[in-house]
PDB file of all heavy atoms in Angstrom:
ATOM      1  N   ARG A   1       0.802  -1.230   0.000  1.00  0.00           N
ATOM      2  CA  ARG A   1       0.000   0.000   0.000  1.00  0.00           C
ATOM      3  C   ARG A   1       0.831   1.274   0.000  1.00  0.00           C
ATOM      4  O   ARG A   1       0.366   2.303  -0.454  1.00  0.00           O
ATOM      5  CB  ARG A   1      -0.963  -0.028   1.175  1.00  0.00           C
ATOM      6  CG  ARG A   1      -1.958  -1.158   1.015  1.00  0.00           C
ATOM      7  CD  ARG A   1      -2.872  -1.279   2.177  1.00  0.00           C
ATOM      8  NE  ARG A   1      -3.613  -2.531   2.039  1.00  0.00           N
ATOM      9  CZ  ARG A   1      -4.720  -2.775   2.665  1.00  0.00           C
ATOM     10  NH1 ARG A   1      -5.229  -1.879   3.463  1.00  0.00           N
ATOM     11  NH2 ARG A   1      -5.334  -3.926   2.494  1.00  0.00           N
ATOM     12  N   SER A   2       2.056   1.208   0.476  1.00  0.00           N
ATOM     13  CA  SER A   2       2.889   2.418   0.485  1.00  0.00           C
ATOM     14  C   SER A   2       3.354   2.793  -0.918  1.00  0.00           C
ATOM     15  O   SER A   2       3.734   3.937  -1.160  1.00  0.00           O
ATOM     16  CB  SER A   2       4.093   2.231   1.400  1.00  0.00           C
ATOM     17  OG  SER A   2       4.958   1.240   0.883  1.00  0.00           O
ATOM     18  N   LYS A   3       3.326   1.855  -1.867  1.00  0.00           N
ATOM     19  CA  LYS A   3       3.763   2.138  -3.238  1.00  0.00           C
ATOM     20  C   LYS A   3       2.621   2.568  -4.155  1.00  0.00           C
ATOM     21  O   LYS A   3       2.860   3.079  -5.241  1.00  0.00           O
ATOM     22  CB  LYS A   3       4.447   0.913  -3.836  1.00  0.00           C
ATOM     23  CG  LYS A   3       5.772   0.592  -3.183  1.00  0.00           C
ATOM     24  CD  LYS A   3       6.431  -0.580  -3.856  1.00  0.00           C
ATOM     25  CE  LYS A   3       7.757  -0.899  -3.203  1.00  0.00           C
ATOM     26  NZ  LYS A   3       8.396  -2.063  -3.825  1.00  0.00           N
ATOM     27  N   VAL A   4       1.390   2.363  -3.727  1.00  0.00           N
ATOM     28  CA  VAL A   4       0.239   2.677  -4.573  1.00  0.00           C
ATOM     29  C   VAL A   4       0.010   4.184  -4.602  1.00  0.00           C
ATOM     30  O   VAL A   4      -0.160   4.824  -3.570  1.00  0.00           O
ATOM     31  CB  VAL A   4      -1.033   1.950  -4.076  1.00  0.00           C
ATOM     32  CG1 VAL A   4      -2.265   2.418  -4.848  1.00  0.00           C
ATOM     33  CG2 VAL A   4      -0.857   0.440  -4.217  1.00  0.00           C
ATOM     34  N   GLU A   5       0.013   4.745  -5.815  1.00  0.00           N
ATOM     35  CA  GLU A   5      -0.262   6.167  -6.008  1.00  0.00           C
ATOM     36  C   GLU A   5      -1.548   6.399  -6.793  1.00  0.00           C
ATOM     37  O   GLU A   5      -2.092   7.494  -6.773  1.00  0.00           O
ATOM     38  CB  GLU A   5       0.912   6.839  -6.719  1.00  0.00           C
ATOM     39  CG  GLU A   5       2.168   6.860  -5.874  1.00  0.00           C
ATOM     40  CD  GLU A   5       3.310   7.596  -6.543  1.00  0.00           C
ATOM     41  OE1 GLU A   5       3.155   8.078  -7.679  1.00  0.00           O
ATOM     42  OE2 GLU A   5       4.378   7.684  -5.910  1.00  0.00           O
ATOM     43  N   VAL A   6      -2.025   5.374  -7.490  1.00  0.00           N
ATOM     44  CA  VAL A   6      -3.246   5.475  -8.299  1.00  0.00           C
ATOM     45  C   VAL A   6      -4.171   4.339  -7.898  1.00  0.00           C
ATOM     46  O   VAL A   6      -3.752   3.191  -7.797  1.00  0.00           O
ATOM     47  CB  VAL A   6      -2.923   5.376  -9.812  1.00  0.00           C
ATOM     48  CG1 VAL A   6      -4.185   5.362 -10.641  1.00  0.00           C
ATOM     49  CG2 VAL A   6      -2.001   6.505 -10.238  1.00  0.00           C
ATOM     50  N   ALA A   7      -5.445   4.682  -7.673  1.00  0.00           N
ATOM     51  CA  ALA A   7      -6.441   3.659  -7.362  1.00  0.00           C
ATOM     52  C   ALA A   7      -7.602   3.777  -8.335  1.00  0.00           C
ATOM     53  O   ALA A   7      -8.136   4.865  -8.553  1.00  0.00           O
ATOM     54  CB  ALA A   7      -6.945   3.812  -5.928  1.00  0.00           C
ATOM     55  N   ILE A   8      -7.953   2.656  -8.938  1.00  0.00           N
ATOM     56  CA  ILE A   8      -9.125   2.566  -9.802  1.00  0.00           C
ATOM     57  C   ILE A   8     -10.147   1.771  -9.006  1.00  0.00           C
ATOM     58  O   ILE A   8      -9.918   0.603  -8.675  1.00  0.00           O
ATOM     59  CB  ILE A   8      -8.780   1.896 -11.138  1.00  0.00           C
ATOM     60  CG1 ILE A   8      -7.689   2.701 -11.843  1.00  0.00           C
ATOM     61  CG2 ILE A   8     -10.024   1.749 -12.008  1.00  0.00           C
ATOM     62  CD1 ILE A   8      -7.093   2.033 -13.061  1.00  0.00           C
ATOM     63  N   LEU A   9     -11.253   2.410  -8.657  1.00  0.00           N
ATOM     64  CA  LEU A   9     -12.184   1.851  -7.684  1.00  0.00           C
ATOM     65  C   LEU A   9     -13.593   1.680  -8.238  1.00  0.00           C
ATOM     66  O   LEU A   9     -14.037   2.457  -9.074  1.00  0.00           O
ATOM     67  CB  LEU A   9     -12.273   2.773  -6.459  1.00  0.00           C
ATOM     68  CG  LEU A   9     -10.969   3.168  -5.776  1.00  0.00           C
ATOM     69  CD1 LEU A   9     -11.234   4.210  -4.705  1.00  0.00           C
ATOM     70  CD2 LEU A   9     -10.289   1.954  -5.185  1.00  0.00           C
ATOM     71  N   TRP A  10     -14.270   0.674  -7.704  1.00  0.00           N
ATOM     72  CA  TRP A  10     -15.699   0.501  -7.941  1.00  0.00           C
ATOM     73  C   TRP A  10     -16.271  -0.264  -6.760  1.00  0.00           C
ATOM     74  O   TRP A  10     -15.908  -1.411  -6.514  1.00  0.00           O
ATOM     75  CB  TRP A  10     -15.985  -0.232  -9.245  1.00  0.00           C
ATOM     76  CG  TRP A  10     -17.448  -0.318  -9.505  1.00  0.00           C
ATOM     77  CD1 TRP A  10     -18.247  -1.425  -9.397  1.00  0.00           C
ATOM     78  CD2 TRP A  10     -18.309   0.748  -9.873  1.00  0.00           C
ATOM     79  NE1 TRP A  10     -19.537  -1.110  -9.683  1.00  0.00           N
ATOM     80  CE2 TRP A  10     -19.618   0.235  -9.987  1.00  0.00           C
ATOM     81  CE3 TRP A  10     -18.115   2.103 -10.115  1.00  0.00           C
ATOM     82  CZ2 TRP A  10     -20.711   1.012 -10.326  1.00  0.00           C
ATOM     83  CZ3 TRP A  10     -19.210   2.872 -10.467  1.00  0.00           C
ATOM     84  CH2 TRP A  10     -20.480   2.327 -10.575  1.00  0.00           C
ATOM     85  N   ASN A  11     -17.133   0.403  -6.007  1.00  0.00           N
ATOM     86  CA  ASN A  11     -17.766  -0.187  -4.824  1.00  0.00           C
ATOM     87  C   ASN A  11     -16.744  -0.831  -3.900  1.00  0.00           C
ATOM     88  O   ASN A  11     -16.912  -1.952  -3.426  1.00  0.00           O
ATOM     89  CB  ASN A  11     -18.849  -1.182  -5.232  1.00  0.00           C
ATOM     90  CG  ASN A  11     -20.035  -0.493  -5.859  1.00  0.00           C
ATOM     91  OD1 ASN A  11     -20.334   0.647  -5.533  1.00  0.00           O
ATOM     92  ND2 ASN A  11     -20.702  -1.157  -6.766  1.00  0.00           N
ATOM     93  N   GLN A  12     -15.687  -0.113  -3.646  1.00  0.00           N
ATOM     94  CA  GLN A  12     -14.619  -0.581  -2.766  1.00  0.00           C
ATOM     95  C   GLN A  12     -15.124  -0.670  -1.325  1.00  0.00           C
ATOM     96  O   GLN A  12     -16.047   0.042  -0.956  1.00  0.00           O
ATOM     97  CB  GLN A  12     -13.415   0.363  -2.848  1.00  0.00           C
ATOM     98  CG  GLN A  12     -13.581   1.691  -2.124  1.00  0.00           C
ATOM     99  CD  GLN A  12     -14.449   2.701  -2.845  1.00  0.00           C
ATOM    100  OE1 GLN A  12     -14.894   2.483  -3.949  1.00  0.00           O
ATOM    101  NE2 GLN A  12     -14.673   3.836  -2.211  1.00  0.00           N
ATOM    102  N   PRO A  13     -14.519  -1.538  -0.521  1.00  0.00           N
ATOM    103  CA  PRO A  13     -14.890  -1.592   0.894  1.00  0.00           C
ATOM    104  C   PRO A  13     -14.632  -0.244   1.558  1.00  0.00           C
ATOM    105  O   PRO A  13     -13.636   0.435   1.251  1.00  0.00           O
ATOM    106  CB  PRO A  13     -13.962  -2.666   1.470  1.00  0.00           C
ATOM    107  CG  PRO A  13     -13.522  -3.472   0.299  1.00  0.00           C
ATOM    108  CD  PRO A  13     -13.512  -2.536  -0.872  1.00  0.00           C
ATOM    109  N   LYS A  14     -15.511   0.159   2.449  1.00  0.00           N
ATOM    110  CA  LYS A  14     -15.332   1.425   3.160  1.00  0.00           C
ATOM    111  C   LYS A  14     -13.992   1.404   3.892  1.00  0.00           C
ATOM    112  O   LYS A  14     -13.576   0.396   4.431  1.00  0.00           O
ATOM    113  CB  LYS A  14     -16.469   1.649   4.132  1.00  0.00           C
ATOM    114  CG  LYS A  14     -17.809   1.798   3.419  1.00  0.00           C
ATOM    115  CD  LYS A  14     -18.693   2.761   4.126  1.00  0.00           C
ATOM    116  CE  LYS A  14     -20.045   2.890   3.473  1.00  0.00           C
ATOM    117  NZ  LYS A  14     -20.073   3.337   2.144  1.00  0.00           N
ATOM    118  N   GLY A  15     -13.287   2.522   3.859  1.00  0.00           N
ATOM    119  CA  GLY A  15     -11.989   2.633   4.502  1.00  0.00           C
ATOM    120  C   GLY A  15     -10.821   2.291   3.602  1.00  0.00           C
ATOM    121  O   GLY A  15      -9.668   2.452   4.002  1.00  0.00           O
ATOM    122  N   THR A  16     -11.107   1.839   2.394  1.00  0.00           N
ATOM    123  CA  THR A  16     -10.043   1.460   1.469  1.00  0.00           C
ATOM    124  C   THR A  16      -9.149   2.644   1.121  1.00  0.00           C
ATOM    125  O   THR A  16      -7.923   2.525   1.109  1.00  0.00           O
ATOM    126  CB  THR A  16     -10.632   0.870   0.172  1.00  0.00           C
ATOM    127  OG1 THR A  16     -11.359  -0.311   0.502  1.00  0.00           O
ATOM    128  CG2 THR A  16      -9.557   0.549  -0.840  1.00  0.00           C
ATOM    129  N   ILE A  17      -9.758   3.777   0.854  1.00  0.00           N
ATOM    130  CA  ILE A  17      -8.996   4.943   0.395  1.00  0.00           C
ATOM    131  C   ILE A  17      -7.933   5.348   1.419  1.00  0.00           C
ATOM    132  O   ILE A  17      -6.783   5.593   1.061  1.00  0.00           O
ATOM    133  CB  ILE A  17      -9.944   6.112   0.079  1.00  0.00           C
ATOM    134  CG1 ILE A  17     -10.838   5.747  -1.110  1.00  0.00           C
ATOM    135  CG2 ILE A  17      -9.172   7.399  -0.197  1.00  0.00           C
ATOM    136  CD1 ILE A  17     -11.978   6.703  -1.353  1.00  0.00           C
ATOM    137  N   SER A  18      -8.307   5.372   2.673  1.00  0.00           N
ATOM    138  CA  SER A  18      -7.353   5.812   3.703  1.00  0.00           C
ATOM    139  C   SER A  18      -6.243   4.798   3.950  1.00  0.00           C
ATOM    140  O   SER A  18      -5.247   5.120   4.592  1.00  0.00           O
ATOM    141  CB  SER A  18      -8.084   6.111   5.013  1.00  0.00           C
ATOM    142  OG  SER A  18      -8.629   4.932   5.552  1.00  0.00           O
ATOM    143  N   SER A  19      -6.389   3.582   3.441  1.00  0.00           N
ATOM    144  CA  SER A  19      -5.355   2.563   3.667  1.00  0.00           C
ATOM    145  C   SER A  19      -4.159   2.723   2.723  1.00  0.00           C
ATOM    146  O   SER A  19      -3.180   1.995   2.851  1.00  0.00           O
ATOM    147  CB  SER A  19      -5.945   1.161   3.534  1.00  0.00           C
ATOM    148  OG  SER A  19      -6.261   0.853   2.197  1.00  0.00           O
ATOM    149  N   PHE A  20      -4.247   3.657   1.787  1.00  0.00           N
ATOM    150  CA  PHE A  20      -3.150   3.936   0.864  1.00  0.00           C
ATOM    151  C   PHE A  20      -2.537   5.297   1.226  1.00  0.00           C
ATOM    152  O   PHE A  20      -3.054   6.336   0.818  1.00  0.00           O
ATOM    153  CB  PHE A  20      -3.652   3.938  -0.582  1.00  0.00           C
ATOM    154  CG  PHE A  20      -4.148   2.602  -1.043  1.00  0.00           C
ATOM    155  CD1 PHE A  20      -5.504   2.338  -1.113  1.00  0.00           C
ATOM    156  CD2 PHE A  20      -3.265   1.598  -1.393  1.00  0.00           C
ATOM    157  CE1 PHE A  20      -5.978   1.103  -1.536  1.00  0.00           C
ATOM    158  CE2 PHE A  20      -3.717   0.353  -1.816  1.00  0.00           C
ATOM    159  CZ  PHE A  20      -5.077   0.111  -1.886  1.00  0.00           C
ATOM    160  N   PRO A  21      -1.425   5.321   1.946  1.00  0.00           N
ATOM    161  CA  PRO A  21      -0.886   6.580   2.461  1.00  0.00           C
ATOM    162  C   PRO A  21      -0.320   7.522   1.393  1.00  0.00           C
ATOM    163  O   PRO A  21      -0.220   8.723   1.636  1.00  0.00           O
ATOM    164  CB  PRO A  21       0.219   6.133   3.417  1.00  0.00           C
ATOM    165  CG  PRO A  21       0.637   4.793   2.929  1.00  0.00           C
ATOM    166  CD  PRO A  21      -0.617   4.171   2.362  1.00  0.00           C
ATOM    167  N   ASN A  22       0.032   7.021   0.225  1.00  0.00           N
ATOM    168  CA  ASN A  22       0.647   7.860  -0.810  1.00  0.00           C
ATOM    169  C   ASN A  22      -0.228   8.021  -2.050  1.00  0.00           C
ATOM    170  O   ASN A  22       0.275   8.319  -3.132  1.00  0.00           O
ATOM    171  CB  ASN A  22       2.014   7.278  -1.192  1.00  0.00           C
ATOM    172  CG  ASN A  22       2.964   7.295  -0.020  1.00  0.00           C
ATOM    173  OD1 ASN A  22       3.092   8.300   0.658  1.00  0.00           O
ATOM    174  ND2 ASN A  22       3.604   6.168   0.255  1.00  0.00           N
ATOM    175  N   LEU A  23      -1.514   7.856  -1.871  1.00  0.00           N
ATOM    176  CA  LEU A  23      -2.457   7.937  -2.991  1.00  0.00           C
ATOM    177  C   LEU A  23      -2.505   9.361  -3.531  1.00  0.00           C
ATOM    178  O   LEU A  23      -2.659  10.328  -2.799  1.00  0.00           O
ATOM    179  CB  LEU A  23      -3.843   7.507  -2.502  1.00  0.00           C
ATOM    180  CG  LEU A  23      -4.868   7.126  -3.540  1.00  0.00           C
ATOM    181  CD1 LEU A  23      -4.379   5.979  -4.404  1.00  0.00           C
ATOM    182  CD2 LEU A  23      -6.170   6.741  -2.858  1.00  0.00           C
ATOM    183  N   LYS A  24      -2.341   9.479  -4.863  1.00  0.00           N
ATOM    184  CA  LYS A  24      -2.346  10.787  -5.516  1.00  0.00           C
ATOM    185  C   LYS A  24      -3.511  10.951  -6.488  1.00  0.00           C
ATOM    186  O   LYS A  24      -3.863  12.060  -6.859  1.00  0.00           O
ATOM    187  CB  LYS A  24      -1.032  11.006  -6.256  1.00  0.00           C
ATOM    188  CG  LYS A  24       0.145  11.063  -5.319  1.00  0.00           C
ATOM    189  CD  LYS A  24       1.434  11.275  -6.053  1.00  0.00           C
ATOM    190  CE  LYS A  24       2.561  11.354  -5.033  1.00  0.00           C
ATOM    191  NZ  LYS A  24       3.850  11.195  -5.602  1.00  0.00           N
ATOM    192  N   PHE A  25      -4.083   9.838  -6.938  1.00  0.00           N
ATOM    193  CA  PHE A  25      -5.125   9.906  -7.962  1.00  0.00           C
ATOM    194  C   PHE A  25      -6.122   8.778  -7.744  1.00  0.00           C
ATOM    195  O   PHE A  25      -5.727   7.637  -7.507  1.00  0.00           O
ATOM    196  CB  PHE A  25      -4.481   9.782  -9.346  1.00  0.00           C
ATOM    197  CG  PHE A  25      -5.445   9.882 -10.493  1.00  0.00           C
ATOM    198  CD1 PHE A  25      -5.910  11.105 -10.927  1.00  0.00           C
ATOM    199  CD2 PHE A  25      -5.893   8.738 -11.135  1.00  0.00           C
ATOM    200  CE1 PHE A  25      -6.800  11.198 -11.990  1.00  0.00           C
ATOM    201  CE2 PHE A  25      -6.783   8.818 -12.194  1.00  0.00           C
ATOM    202  CZ  PHE A  25      -7.234  10.047 -12.628  1.00  0.00           C
ATOM    203  N   ILE A  26      -7.399   9.120  -7.808  1.00  0.00           N
ATOM    204  CA  ILE A  26      -8.468   8.133  -7.689  1.00  0.00           C
ATOM    205  C   ILE A  26      -9.325   8.225  -8.944  1.00  0.00           C
ATOM    206  O   ILE A  26      -9.694   9.317  -9.372  1.00  0.00           O
ATOM    207  CB  ILE A  26      -9.354   8.405  -6.463  1.00  0.00           C
ATOM    208  CG1 ILE A  26      -8.528   8.345  -5.182  1.00  0.00           C
ATOM    209  CG2 ILE A  26     -10.502   7.417  -6.408  1.00  0.00           C
ATOM    210  CD1 ILE A  26      -9.287   8.819  -3.950  1.00  0.00           C
ATOM    211  N   CYS A  27      -9.646   7.074  -9.508  1.00  0.00           N
ATOM    212  CA  CYS A  27     -10.475   7.007 -10.700  1.00  0.00           C
ATOM    213  C   CYS A  27     -11.615   6.029 -10.456  1.00  0.00           C
ATOM    214  O   CYS A  27     -11.400   4.945  -9.905  1.00  0.00           O
ATOM    215  CB  CYS A  27      -9.631   6.549 -11.884  1.00  0.00           C
ATOM    216  SG  CYS A  27     -10.538   6.428 -13.435  1.00  0.00           S
ATOM    217  N   SER A  28     -12.807   6.396 -10.874  1.00  0.00           N
ATOM    218  CA  SER A  28     -13.946   5.489 -10.775  1.00  0.00           C
ATOM    219  C   SER A  28     -13.925   4.534 -11.961  1.00  0.00           C
ATOM    220  O   SER A  28     -13.733   4.954 -13.096  1.00  0.00           O
ATOM    221  CB  SER A  28     -15.252   6.283 -10.765  1.00  0.00           C
ATOM    222  OG  SER A  28     -16.351   5.406 -10.733  1.00  0.00           O
ATOM    223  N   PHE A  29     -14.124   3.259 -11.701  1.00  0.00           N
ATOM    224  CA  PHE A  29     -14.139   2.250 -12.757  1.00  0.00           C
ATOM    225  C   PHE A  29     -15.410   2.343 -13.599  1.00  0.00           C
ATOM    226  O   PHE A  29     -15.421   1.942 -14.755  1.00  0.00           O
ATOM    227  CB  PHE A  29     -14.017   0.857 -12.137  1.00  0.00           C
ATOM    228  CG  PHE A  29     -13.861  -0.254 -13.136  1.00  0.00           C
ATOM    229  CD1 PHE A  29     -12.662  -0.453 -13.791  1.00  0.00           C
ATOM    230  CD2 PHE A  29     -14.916  -1.102 -13.411  1.00  0.00           C
ATOM    231  CE1 PHE A  29     -12.508  -1.484 -14.714  1.00  0.00           C
ATOM    232  CE2 PHE A  29     -14.776  -2.140 -14.335  1.00  0.00           C
ATOM    233  CZ  PHE A  29     -13.576  -2.333 -14.984  1.00  0.00           C
ATOM    234  N   GLY A  30     -16.465   2.886 -13.038  1.00  0.00           N
ATOM    235  CA  GLY A  30     -17.733   3.004 -13.756  1.00  0.00           C
ATOM    236  C   GLY A  30     -18.269   4.419 -13.665  1.00  0.00           C
ATOM    237  O   GLY A  30     -17.617   5.325 -13.138  1.00  0.00           O
ATOM    238  N   ALA A  31     -19.466   4.586 -14.174  1.00  0.00           N
ATOM    239  CA  ALA A  31     -20.110   5.901 -14.128  1.00  0.00           C
ATOM    240  C   ALA A  31     -20.497   6.231 -12.693  1.00  0.00           C
ATOM    241  O   ALA A  31     -20.970   5.386 -11.948  1.00  0.00           O
ATOM    242  CB  ALA A  31     -21.337   5.909 -15.029  1.00  0.00           C
ATOM    243  N   GLY A  32     -20.281   7.464 -12.319  1.00  0.00           N
ATOM    244  CA  GLY A  32     -20.621   7.912 -10.978  1.00  0.00           C
ATOM    245  C   GLY A  32     -19.450   7.798 -10.033  1.00  0.00           C
ATOM    246  O   GLY A  32     -18.545   6.992 -10.224  1.00  0.00           O
ATOM    247  N   VAL A  33     -19.477   8.641  -9.010  1.00  0.00           N
ATOM    248  CA  VAL A  33     -18.403   8.636  -8.026  1.00  0.00           C
ATOM    249  C   VAL A  33     -18.935   8.544  -6.595  1.00  0.00           C
ATOM    250  O   VAL A  33     -18.181   8.707  -5.644  1.00  0.00           O
ATOM    251  CB  VAL A  33     -17.504   9.892  -8.166  1.00  0.00           C
ATOM    252  CG1 VAL A  33     -16.766   9.892  -9.487  1.00  0.00           C
ATOM    253  CG2 VAL A  33     -18.317  11.164  -7.981  1.00  0.00           C
TER     254      VAL A  33
END
């Protein structure tokens, strides 16, 4: 998780975003955010 800078997400488990300390970009896999 420390190496992940980009996350492509769709209905991810709650709390997933905060588990990536170096996240710089989030993209939705489908329509809607």
